[in-house]
Amino acid sequence: MRVLVLNAGSSSVKLRVVEPDDTVVHRADLDAPRGRPAEGELEDAALRLARAAGGVDAVGHRVVHGGPDFTAPVRIVPDVLDRIDALTVLAPLHQPPAVAGIRALAGALPDVPSVACFGTAFHTTMPPAASTYAVPARWRSELGLRRYGFHGLAHAWASARAAEIVGRPVAELRIVVAHLGSGASACAVDGGRSVDTTMGFTPTAGLVMATRSGDLDPSAVTWLSVHADVPPAEVDHALDHESGMAALAGEADMRRVLAAAGAGDPAAGLAVEVWVHRARAQLAAMAAALGGVHVLAFSGGVGENAPVLRRRLVDGLPFLGLALDADLDAAAVDGVEGDVSTDAAEARTVVVHAREDLVIARQVRGVAAGPRAPG
């Protein structure tokens, strides 16, 4: 089955045509401020790629939030799309671009079945102790307040690929995945199954991100609204769109923040220190959830391309048995994968190139079957 994969992010849209053997034969990356490419651009790109491939058999969509109902990939029909759209309030940065992409490609390729692949699904294996909030029972049972976790497609790939890199079956490994990019999360993977993660009810929780705050005292939110007269909608918007590195450094792009910090900018320097402090603590927490770690896997735009940050994190976690080889670490950029540990390290540190496109294509093959779109 030849699959057209659409990964609609908050700032870019990626299209990939994946052959049955997982080879990517055609691709397009579109600029998409707020997750929205120029009008008609996505449809034109999808048709161009489908024709170049001689037709596609299915379309796979990355959808960040599956809520309580979508725990596995699902064929998209109108009712399913409505339910996905209703989850926008829980993932305001990513759900709208995903919904818009589904609608756009349904119009461009109306005879091709579409499948939604959810970032929350990988985390449905978390035990109740990890997924349950200590809040009133009605909030949990009637309102569905729980920890969902996100980036599941990336964590699934990175943990499996990390096992391949170290040459051991994933079933016998305790792996901490650090998926670090504009959005960022860590995940504790035990034998290939998610048992804990840093994101929660929404993708705002956990690590400091490009524009998202990460963990915050919940009483700070109510204090802002009740005592400082900040409207709840303004608080909600700020925590997702105006916080994180953008709030601390005045710049959301980690490359520019690191450059500014290196040039002596005090705000950028503080932003990096905050980012490292929070990330180091939460990676240690994931290792604690596993009862120890065999492998730490870095992935994502920052995790794959910022050796200085990998060193800062690992150098602060020697009690986990981790140690980096400086030369190997410096060379692991621009898609270069591998074990970057010293020979003497008790636990391995690896860099993994994120491949959500292949996870989506494989999931789609397990769900979709239908006629091929004309070339």
Protein backbone atom coordinates (compact mmCIF):
# COMPACT_ATOMS: atom_id res chain seq x y z
CA MET A 1 0.00 0.00 0.00
CA ARG A 2 1.42 3.37 -1.08
CA VAL A 3 0.61 5.97 1.57
CA LEU A 4 0.59 9.76 1.40
CA VAL A 5 1.49 10.96 4.90
CA LEU A 6 0.47 14.44 6.08
CA ASN A 7 2.16 15.78 9.21
CA ALA A 8 0.58 19.15 9.96
CA GLY A 9 2.54 20.98 12.63
CA SER A 10 2.13 24.39 14.23
CA SER A 11 4.58 26.08 11.83
CA SER A 12 5.07 23.70 8.90
CA VAL A 13 3.30 21.01 6.92
CA LYS A 14 5.16 17.94 5.68
CA LEU A 15 3.94 15.61 2.94
CA ARG A 16 5.59 12.27 2.21
CA VAL A 17 4.75 9.47 -0.22
CA VAL A 18 5.80 6.19 1.41
CA GLU A 19 6.10 3.03 -0.66
CA PRO A 20 5.14 -0.43 0.73
CA ASP A 21 8.80 -1.05 1.63
CA ASP A 22 8.89 2.21 3.68
CA THR A 23 10.91 4.07 1.05
CA VAL A 24 10.00 7.76 0.81
CA VAL A 25 9.84 8.52 -2.91
CA HIS A 26 8.31 12.01 -2.98
CA ARG A 27 8.15 14.81 -0.45
CA ALA A 28 7.09 18.40 0.06
CA ASP A 29 7.61 20.75 3.00
CA LEU A 30 5.33 23.78 3.15
CA ASP A 31 5.67 26.89 5.28
CA ALA A 32 2.56 27.13 7.40
CA PRO A 33 2.35 29.99 9.90
CA ARG A 34 -0.05 28.89 12.65
CA GLY A 35 -0.19 25.56 10.86
CA ARG A 36 -1.94 26.96 7.80
CA PRO A 37 -0.21 26.97 4.39
CA ALA A 38 -1.29 29.45 1.71
CA GLU A 39 -4.76 28.82 0.30
CA GLY A 40 -4.75 25.92 -2.12
CA GLU A 41 -1.05 25.16 -1.60
CA LEU A 42 -1.62 21.95 0.35
CA GLU A 43 -4.14 20.58 -2.15
CA ASP A 44 -1.82 21.40 -5.07
CA ALA A 45 1.15 19.74 -3.38
CA ALA A 46 -0.83 16.60 -2.51
CA LEU A 47 -2.09 16.21 -6.08
CA ARG A 48 1.40 16.81 -7.46
CA LEU A 49 2.92 14.12 -5.24
CA ALA A 50 0.11 11.64 -5.91
CA ARG A 51 0.52 12.04 -9.66
CA ALA A 52 4.31 11.74 -9.44
CA ALA A 53 3.88 8.47 -7.55
CA GLY A 54 1.37 7.06 -10.01
CA GLY A 55 -1.38 7.30 -7.43
CA VAL A 56 -1.70 6.61 -3.72
CA ASP A 57 -3.78 4.01 -1.90
CA ALA A 58 -4.42 5.87 1.36
CA VAL A 59 -3.70 9.08 3.24
CA GLY A 60 -2.39 9.06 6.79
CA HIS A 61 -2.80 12.07 9.07
CA ARG A 62 -0.93 12.83 12.27
CA VAL A 63 -3.48 13.99 14.85
CA VAL A 64 -2.11 15.19 18.16
CA HIS A 65 -5.05 14.52 20.48
CA GLY A 66 -7.29 11.47 20.40
CA GLY A 67 -9.11 12.15 23.67
CA PRO A 68 -10.57 9.23 25.62
CA ASP A 69 -12.16 7.53 22.60
CA PHE A 70 -9.42 7.26 19.97
CA THR A 71 -6.84 4.83 21.29
CA ALA A 72 -5.78 3.38 17.93
CA PRO A 73 -5.62 4.59 14.31
CA VAL A 74 -9.05 4.94 12.73
CA ARG A 75 -10.56 5.41 9.28
CA ILE A 76 -11.82 8.99 8.95
CA VAL A 77 -15.52 9.40 8.27
CA PRO A 78 -17.60 12.56 8.94
CA ASP A 79 -18.51 11.59 12.50
CA VAL A 80 -14.89 10.81 13.34
CA LEU A 81 -13.73 14.15 11.93
CA ASP A 82 -16.34 16.00 14.00
CA ARG A 83 -15.11 14.26 17.15
CA ILE A 84 -11.48 15.06 16.32
CA ASP A 85 -12.42 18.69 15.73
CA ALA A 86 -14.19 18.82 19.11
CA LEU A 87 -10.85 18.07 20.80
CA THR A 88 -9.35 21.34 19.56
CA VAL A 89 -9.77 22.92 22.98
CA LEU A 90 -7.28 20.38 24.37
CA ALA A 91 -4.61 20.93 21.70
CA PRO A 92 -5.14 24.42 20.27
CA LEU A 93 -1.78 24.64 18.49
CA HIS A 94 -1.99 21.37 16.56
CA GLN A 95 -5.56 20.11 16.29
CA PRO A 96 -6.80 22.90 13.98
CA PRO A 97 -4.02 22.34 11.37
CA ALA A 98 -4.70 18.59 11.46
CA VAL A 99 -8.43 19.09 10.92
CA ALA A 100 -7.79 21.60 8.13
CA GLY A 101 -5.38 19.16 6.49
CA ILE A 102 -7.88 16.31 6.65
CA ARG A 103 -10.52 18.45 4.99
CA ALA A 104 -8.12 19.77 2.35
CA LEU A 105 -6.90 16.33 1.29
CA ALA A 106 -10.40 14.87 1.36
CA GLY A 107 -11.30 17.51 -1.21
CA ALA A 108 -8.16 16.98 -3.30
CA LEU A 109 -8.28 13.15 -3.20
CA PRO A 110 -11.96 12.33 -2.59
CA ASP A 111 -11.70 8.65 -3.58
CA VAL A 112 -8.75 7.84 -1.32
CA PRO A 113 -9.41 6.54 2.22
CA SER A 114 -7.93 8.60 5.04
CA VAL A 115 -6.71 7.36 8.42
CA ALA A 116 -6.06 9.37 11.59
CA CYS A 117 -3.04 8.33 13.66
CA PHE A 118 -3.05 9.76 17.18
CA GLY A 119 -0.18 11.08 19.25
CA THR A 120 -1.98 10.05 22.42
CA ALA A 121 -2.51 6.39 21.49
CA PHE A 122 0.98 5.15 22.42
CA HIS A 123 0.42 6.28 26.00
CA THR A 124 -2.74 4.25 26.62
CA THR A 125 -0.48 1.62 28.19
CA MET A 126 0.41 3.94 31.08
CA PRO A 127 -0.68 2.42 34.40
CA PRO A 128 -3.41 4.20 36.38
CA ALA A 129 -0.83 5.50 38.84
CA ALA A 130 0.80 7.46 36.00
CA SER A 131 -2.33 8.61 34.18
CA THR A 132 -4.55 9.59 37.13
CA TYR A 133 -4.74 13.10 38.56
CA ALA A 134 -5.46 13.55 42.28
CA VAL A 135 -8.57 15.64 41.65
CA PRO A 136 -12.28 15.18 42.53
CA ALA A 137 -13.86 12.00 41.22
CA ARG A 138 -16.44 13.86 39.11
CA TRP A 139 -13.66 15.67 37.22
CA ARG A 140 -12.07 12.33 36.44
CA SER A 141 -15.15 10.24 35.66
CA GLU A 142 -17.51 12.76 34.04
CA LEU A 143 -15.13 15.33 32.58
CA GLY A 144 -12.35 12.96 31.57
CA LEU A 145 -9.58 14.84 33.33
CA ARG A 146 -6.50 12.60 33.12
CA ARG A 147 -2.98 12.51 31.75
CA TYR A 148 -3.02 11.54 28.09
CA GLY A 149 0.54 12.18 26.95
CA PHE A 150 1.53 13.20 23.43
CA HIS A 151 4.23 12.74 20.76
CA GLY A 152 3.36 9.05 20.88
CA LEU A 153 4.24 8.42 17.23
CA ALA A 154 7.70 9.93 17.78
CA HIS A 155 8.25 8.05 21.05
CA ALA A 156 7.21 4.74 19.48
CA TRP A 157 9.69 5.20 16.64
CA ALA A 158 12.56 6.50 18.79
CA SER A 159 12.34 3.70 21.34
CA ALA A 160 12.27 0.98 18.67
CA ARG A 161 15.09 2.60 16.70
CA ALA A 162 17.18 3.12 19.85
CA ALA A 163 16.98 -0.61 20.54
CA GLU A 164 18.23 -1.31 17.02
CA ILE A 165 21.15 1.09 17.48
CA VAL A 166 22.32 -0.56 20.70
CA GLY A 167 21.71 -4.04 19.27
CA ARG A 168 19.24 -5.33 21.84
CA PRO A 169 15.53 -6.28 21.68
CA VAL A 170 13.29 -3.42 22.72
CA ALA A 171 11.34 -5.89 24.86
CA GLU A 172 14.23 -6.15 27.32
CA LEU A 173 15.11 -2.45 27.54
CA ARG A 174 14.16 0.46 29.77
CA ILE A 175 14.38 3.51 27.51
CA VAL A 176 13.90 7.20 28.20
CA VAL A 177 13.05 9.09 25.02
CA ALA A 178 13.71 12.84 24.96
CA HIS A 179 11.78 14.19 21.98
CA LEU A 180 12.97 17.79 21.93
CA GLY A 181 11.78 20.38 19.44
CA SER A 182 9.43 23.36 19.39
CA GLY A 183 7.15 21.00 21.25
CA ALA A 184 8.99 18.71 23.64
CA SER A 185 8.28 15.76 25.88
CA ALA A 186 10.04 12.86 27.54
CA CYS A 187 8.68 9.33 27.80
CA ALA A 188 9.52 6.29 29.90
CA VAL A 189 9.33 3.19 27.69
CA ASP A 190 9.51 -0.21 29.36
CA GLY A 191 9.75 -3.15 26.98
CA GLY A 192 8.33 -1.06 24.14
CA ARG A 193 5.37 0.26 26.17
CA SER A 194 4.85 3.77 27.49
CA VAL A 195 4.63 3.77 31.28
CA ASP A 196 5.01 7.50 31.94
CA THR A 197 5.46 10.77 30.08
CA THR A 198 5.86 14.46 30.84
CA MET A 199 2.89 15.92 28.96
CA GLY A 200 -0.53 15.63 30.55
CA PHE A 201 -4.17 16.50 29.83
CA THR A 202 -2.91 18.84 27.11
CA PRO A 203 0.45 19.27 25.35
CA THR A 204 1.17 22.37 27.46
CA ALA A 205 2.49 20.38 30.43
CA GLY A 206 5.99 19.09 31.06
CA LEU A 207 9.18 20.53 29.58
CA VAL A 208 9.73 24.18 28.67
CA MET A 209 8.99 24.54 24.95
CA ALA A 210 9.24 27.16 22.22
CA THR A 211 6.04 29.01 23.15
CA ARG A 212 4.51 26.72 25.80
CA SER A 213 5.18 27.12 29.50
CA GLY A 214 5.56 23.51 30.52
CA ASP A 215 4.68 22.58 34.10
CA LEU A 216 3.17 25.39 36.15
CA ASP A 217 1.62 25.53 39.59
CA PRO A 218 -2.13 25.23 38.84
CA SER A 219 -2.87 27.78 41.53
CA ALA A 220 -0.84 30.32 39.55
CA VAL A 221 -3.44 30.08 36.79
CA THR A 222 -6.36 30.67 39.13
CA TRP A 223 -4.44 33.46 40.90
CA LEU A 224 -3.90 35.27 37.60
CA SER A 225 -7.62 35.15 36.82
CA VAL A 226 -9.07 35.71 40.29
CA HIS A 227 -6.60 38.09 41.89
CA ALA A 228 -4.78 39.75 38.97
CA ASP A 229 -7.90 40.11 36.80
CA VAL A 230 -6.30 38.46 33.77
CA PRO A 231 -9.17 36.99 31.70
CA PRO A 232 -9.07 33.17 31.58
CA ALA A 233 -8.96 33.22 27.77
CA GLU A 234 -5.88 35.45 27.90
CA VAL A 235 -4.16 33.12 30.36
CA ASP A 236 -5.01 30.13 28.20
CA HIS A 237 -3.65 31.79 25.06
CA ALA A 238 -0.48 33.02 26.76
CA LEU A 239 0.46 29.63 28.18
CA ASP A 240 0.40 28.08 24.71
CA HIS A 241 1.45 30.95 22.43
CA GLU A 242 3.43 33.49 24.48
CA SER A 243 5.36 31.47 27.06
CA GLY A 244 8.35 29.12 27.01
CA MET A 245 11.55 30.29 25.30
CA ALA A 246 9.66 33.10 23.57
CA ALA A 247 8.74 34.58 26.94
CA LEU A 248 12.14 34.09 28.56
CA ALA A 249 14.44 35.00 25.66
CA GLY A 250 12.18 36.94 23.32
CA GLU A 251 12.85 34.25 20.73
CA ALA A 252 11.20 30.85 20.24
CA ASP A 253 13.81 29.27 17.94
CA MET A 254 16.35 27.38 20.06
CA ARG A 255 19.13 27.95 17.52
CA ARG A 256 18.80 31.70 17.88
CA VAL A 257 18.46 31.47 21.65
CA LEU A 258 21.69 29.48 21.89
CA ALA A 259 23.47 31.96 19.62
CA ALA A 260 22.27 34.89 21.72
CA ALA A 261 23.27 33.15 24.94
CA GLY A 262 26.72 32.49 23.49
CA ALA A 263 27.01 36.18 22.65
CA GLY A 264 26.33 37.09 26.27
CA ASP A 265 22.64 38.01 26.17
CA PRO A 266 21.47 37.60 29.80
CA ALA A 267 17.83 36.82 28.97
CA ALA A 268 18.84 34.12 26.50
CA GLY A 269 21.35 32.74 29.00
CA LEU A 270 18.66 32.46 31.66
CA ALA A 271 16.28 30.84 29.17
CA VAL A 272 18.82 28.12 28.40
CA GLU A 273 19.47 27.54 32.10
CA VAL A 274 15.75 27.21 32.82
CA TRP A 275 15.30 24.85 29.86
CA VAL A 276 18.21 22.64 30.95
CA HIS A 277 17.17 22.61 34.62
CA ARG A 278 13.61 21.53 33.83
CA ALA A 279 14.60 18.99 31.19
CA ARG A 280 17.28 17.37 33.33
CA ALA A 281 14.85 16.97 36.24
CA GLN A 282 12.14 15.45 34.07
CA LEU A 283 14.47 13.04 32.32
CA ALA A 284 15.52 11.84 35.77
CA ALA A 285 11.86 11.46 36.69
CA MET A 286 11.25 9.24 33.66
CA ALA A 287 14.24 7.10 34.65
CA ALA A 288 12.78 6.83 38.16
CA ALA A 289 9.45 5.66 36.72
CA LEU A 290 11.35 2.85 34.99
CA GLY A 291 13.43 1.91 38.02
CA GLY A 292 16.59 2.66 36.05
CA VAL A 293 17.52 3.22 32.43
CA HIS A 294 19.39 1.23 29.80
CA VAL A 295 19.15 3.83 27.02
CA LEU A 296 18.53 7.58 26.74
CA ALA A 297 17.37 8.45 23.21
CA PHE A 298 17.38 12.00 21.86
CA SER A 299 15.16 12.91 18.91
CA GLY A 300 13.37 15.93 17.45
CA GLY A 301 14.80 19.07 15.92
CA VAL A 302 16.59 20.19 19.08
CA GLY A 303 17.42 16.70 20.34
CA GLU A 304 19.01 15.75 17.01
CA ASN A 305 20.85 18.99 16.28
CA ALA A 306 21.97 20.63 19.52
CA PRO A 307 24.99 18.69 20.87
CA VAL A 308 25.66 21.41 23.43
CA LEU A 309 22.26 20.81 25.02
CA ARG A 310 22.65 17.03 24.94
CA ARG A 311 25.95 17.46 26.80
CA ARG A 312 24.39 19.80 29.35
CA LEU A 313 21.65 17.29 30.06
CA VAL A 314 23.78 14.14 30.19
CA ASP A 315 26.58 15.78 32.18
CA GLY A 316 24.02 16.48 34.89
CA LEU A 317 22.82 12.87 35.03
CA PRO A 318 25.94 10.83 35.84
CA PHE A 319 24.04 8.92 38.55
CA LEU A 320 22.07 7.25 35.75
CA GLY A 321 25.26 5.76 34.32
CA LEU A 322 25.26 8.09 31.33
CA ALA A 323 28.39 9.63 29.78
CA LEU A 324 28.90 11.23 26.36
CA ASP A 325 31.81 10.93 23.98
CA ALA A 326 32.36 14.58 22.96
CA ASP A 327 33.49 13.77 19.41
CA LEU A 328 30.66 11.32 18.71
CA ASP A 329 28.15 13.75 20.18
CA ALA A 330 29.40 16.66 18.08
CA ALA A 331 29.14 14.57 14.89
CA ALA A 332 25.54 13.47 15.53
CA VAL A 333 23.68 16.27 13.72
CA ASP A 334 21.72 16.73 10.49
CA GLY A 335 20.13 13.29 10.54
CA VAL A 336 23.20 11.37 11.68
CA GLU A 337 22.14 8.65 14.12
CA GLY A 338 24.15 6.55 16.51
CA ASP A 339 25.43 5.71 19.97
CA VAL A 340 27.24 8.78 21.34
CA SER A 341 28.26 7.24 24.68
CA THR A 342 31.73 6.67 26.02
CA ASP A 343 32.87 3.06 26.03
CA ALA A 344 32.76 3.04 29.83
CA ALA A 345 29.19 4.34 30.17
CA GLU A 346 26.90 1.93 32.01
CA ALA A 347 23.83 3.20 30.13
CA ARG A 348 23.84 4.19 26.49
CA THR A 349 22.95 7.56 24.98
CA VAL A 350 21.80 7.54 21.36
CA VAL A 351 20.64 10.07 18.80
CA VAL A 352 17.67 9.00 16.68
CA HIS A 353 16.31 10.68 13.57
CA ALA A 354 12.57 11.14 14.13
CA ARG A 355 10.47 9.25 11.56
CA GLU A 356 6.82 9.76 12.42
CA ASP A 357 6.08 9.37 8.71
CA LEU A 358 7.02 5.69 8.75
CA VAL A 359 5.02 5.00 11.92
CA ILE A 360 1.98 6.64 10.34
CA ALA A 361 2.39 4.74 7.06
CA ARG A 362 2.62 1.43 8.91
CA GLN A 363 -0.45 2.21 11.01
CA VAL A 364 -2.40 3.23 7.93
CA ARG A 365 -1.62 -0.09 6.23
CA GLY A 366 -3.20 -1.87 9.15
CA VAL A 367 -6.46 0.08 8.81
CA ALA A 368 -7.07 1.32 5.29
CA ALA A 369 -7.93 -0.42 2.08
CA GLY A 370 -9.48 1.23 -0.95
CA PRO A 371 -9.11 2.26 -4.57
CA ARG A 372 -6.02 4.06 -5.78
CA ALA A 373 -6.26 7.76 -6.63
CA PRO A 374 -5.67 8.40 -10.33
CA GLY A 375 -2.10 9.38 -11.23
